[in-house]
């Protein structure tokens, strides 16, 4: 009888373990952004329609550049500390100029896609 009880207990433990493993996989897959949200084609499209204005020492600008990651290479970035003449209509950084309109603050990749219609 003791052997049957151990087998039942082992079966329960294995079942619970499998359930927890599947649950963790589901949670992890939901928590990660989709690759399509940050693809190179979208970054190139954004880069064709938008300019990012930053400034040396701006922590929010650093955050914005981290959000862009490797895709930043496709986007024109103007540092207003060094290029003041190009920033005459920029009053805060980071700012995005999209179709002549200025959008201030850190933007997610998805927000940039919406603003540029990319």
Protein backbone atom coordinates (compact mmCIF):
# COMPACT_ATOMS: atom_id res chain seq x y z
CA UNK A 1 0.00 0.00 0.00
CA UNK A 2 2.81 2.40 0.79
CA UNK A 3 4.19 1.98 -2.71
CA UNK A 4 0.81 2.91 -4.25
CA UNK A 5 0.64 6.03 -2.08
CA UNK A 6 4.14 7.11 -3.17
CA UNK A 7 3.22 6.59 -6.83
CA UNK A 8 0.08 8.71 -6.38
CA UNK A 9 2.11 11.41 -4.63
CA UNK A 10 4.78 11.36 -7.36
CA UNK A 11 2.11 11.58 -10.04
CA UNK A 12 0.58 14.62 -8.33
CA UNK A 13 3.98 16.31 -8.04
CA UNK A 14 4.79 15.67 -11.69
CA UNK A 15 1.37 16.99 -12.77
CA UNK A 16 1.77 20.15 -10.69
CA UNK A 17 5.31 20.61 -12.02
CA UNK A 18 4.16 20.36 -15.64
CA UNK A 19 1.30 22.77 -14.97
CA UNK A 20 3.66 25.33 -13.40
CA UNK A 21 6.15 24.96 -16.25
CA UNK A 22 3.44 25.62 -18.86
CA UNK A 23 2.14 28.57 -16.84
CA UNK A 24 5.61 30.17 -16.66
CA UNK A 25 6.07 29.75 -20.43
CA UNK A 26 2.73 31.43 -21.10
CA UNK A 27 3.51 34.33 -18.76
CA UNK A 28 6.93 34.88 -20.31
CA UNK A 29 5.58 34.83 -23.86
CA UNK A 30 2.89 37.39 -23.02
CA UNK A 31 5.35 39.72 -21.30
CA UNK A 32 7.71 40.22 -24.26
CA UNK A 33 7.04 42.76 -27.01
CA UNK A 34 6.50 41.41 -30.49
CA UNK A 35 9.45 41.57 -32.85
CA UNK A 36 7.27 43.34 -35.42
CA UNK A 37 6.94 46.32 -33.06
CA UNK A 38 10.62 47.14 -33.38
CA UNK A 39 11.52 45.90 -36.83
CA UNK A 40 14.06 47.60 -39.04
CA UNK A 41 11.57 48.48 -41.77
CA UNK A 42 9.43 50.45 -39.34
CA UNK A 43 12.53 52.22 -37.97
CA UNK A 44 13.53 53.22 -41.50
CA UNK A 45 10.02 54.53 -42.16
CA UNK A 46 10.07 56.54 -38.92
CA UNK A 47 13.51 57.86 -39.85
CA UNK A 48 12.18 59.13 -43.18
CA UNK A 49 9.42 61.11 -41.47
CA UNK A 50 10.85 62.16 -38.10
CA UNK A 51 13.82 63.85 -36.48
CA UNK A 52 14.74 63.34 -32.83
CA UNK A 53 16.10 66.32 -30.89
CA UNK A 54 18.17 65.54 -27.79
CA UNK A 55 20.63 67.37 -25.58
CA UNK A 56 23.83 66.42 -23.84
CA UNK A 57 23.10 65.53 -20.20
CA UNK A 58 19.39 64.89 -20.74
CA UNK A 59 18.43 61.68 -18.91
CA UNK A 60 15.11 61.39 -20.75
CA UNK A 61 17.01 61.66 -24.04
CA UNK A 62 19.14 58.71 -22.96
CA UNK A 63 15.96 56.79 -22.18
CA UNK A 64 14.58 57.63 -25.64
CA UNK A 65 17.77 56.44 -27.33
CA UNK A 66 17.65 53.19 -25.33
CA UNK A 67 14.08 52.60 -26.50
CA UNK A 68 15.26 52.99 -30.09
CA UNK A 69 18.22 50.67 -29.51
CA UNK A 70 19.99 49.63 -32.71
CA UNK A 71 17.17 51.19 -34.72
CA UNK A 72 18.51 54.65 -33.79
CA UNK A 73 20.93 54.37 -36.71
CA UNK A 74 17.97 54.88 -39.08
CA UNK A 75 16.79 58.07 -37.38
CA UNK A 76 18.27 61.55 -37.66
CA UNK A 77 19.26 62.67 -34.17
CA UNK A 78 20.15 66.31 -33.54
CA UNK A 79 21.99 67.17 -30.31
CA UNK A 80 20.83 70.67 -29.43
CA UNK A 81 23.85 71.22 -27.16
CA UNK A 82 26.13 71.12 -30.19
CA UNK A 83 23.73 72.21 -32.93
CA UNK A 84 21.80 75.09 -31.35
CA UNK A 85 20.96 76.71 -34.68
CA UNK A 86 19.00 73.60 -35.73
CA UNK A 87 17.00 73.71 -32.49
CA UNK A 88 15.50 77.20 -32.59
CA UNK A 89 11.94 75.85 -32.31
CA UNK A 90 12.78 73.15 -29.73
CA UNK A 91 11.98 74.11 -26.14
CA UNK A 92 12.43 70.75 -24.38
CA UNK A 93 14.25 67.52 -25.05
CA UNK A 94 13.67 64.88 -26.14
CA UNK A 95 11.44 66.22 -28.88
CA UNK A 96 10.34 64.71 -32.16
CA UNK A 97 9.61 66.74 -35.28
CA UNK A 98 7.18 64.82 -37.44
CA UNK A 99 5.66 66.44 -40.53
CA UNK A 100 6.57 69.88 -39.15
CA UNK A 101 4.83 69.27 -35.82
CA UNK A 102 6.78 68.96 -32.57
CA UNK A 103 6.04 66.22 -30.04
CA UNK A 104 7.84 66.57 -26.71
CA UNK A 105 8.77 63.73 -24.37
CA UNK A 106 9.88 60.13 -24.54
CA UNK A 107 7.89 58.12 -27.07
CA UNK A 108 7.54 54.36 -27.34
CA UNK A 109 8.27 52.69 -30.65
CA UNK A 110 4.54 52.05 -31.06
CA UNK A 111 3.72 55.74 -30.43
CA UNK A 112 6.26 56.73 -33.07
CA UNK A 113 4.70 54.29 -35.53
CA UNK A 114 1.30 55.87 -34.89
CA UNK A 115 2.56 59.47 -35.15
CA UNK A 116 4.41 58.76 -38.41
CA UNK A 117 1.80 56.32 -39.72
CA UNK A 118 4.53 53.71 -40.27
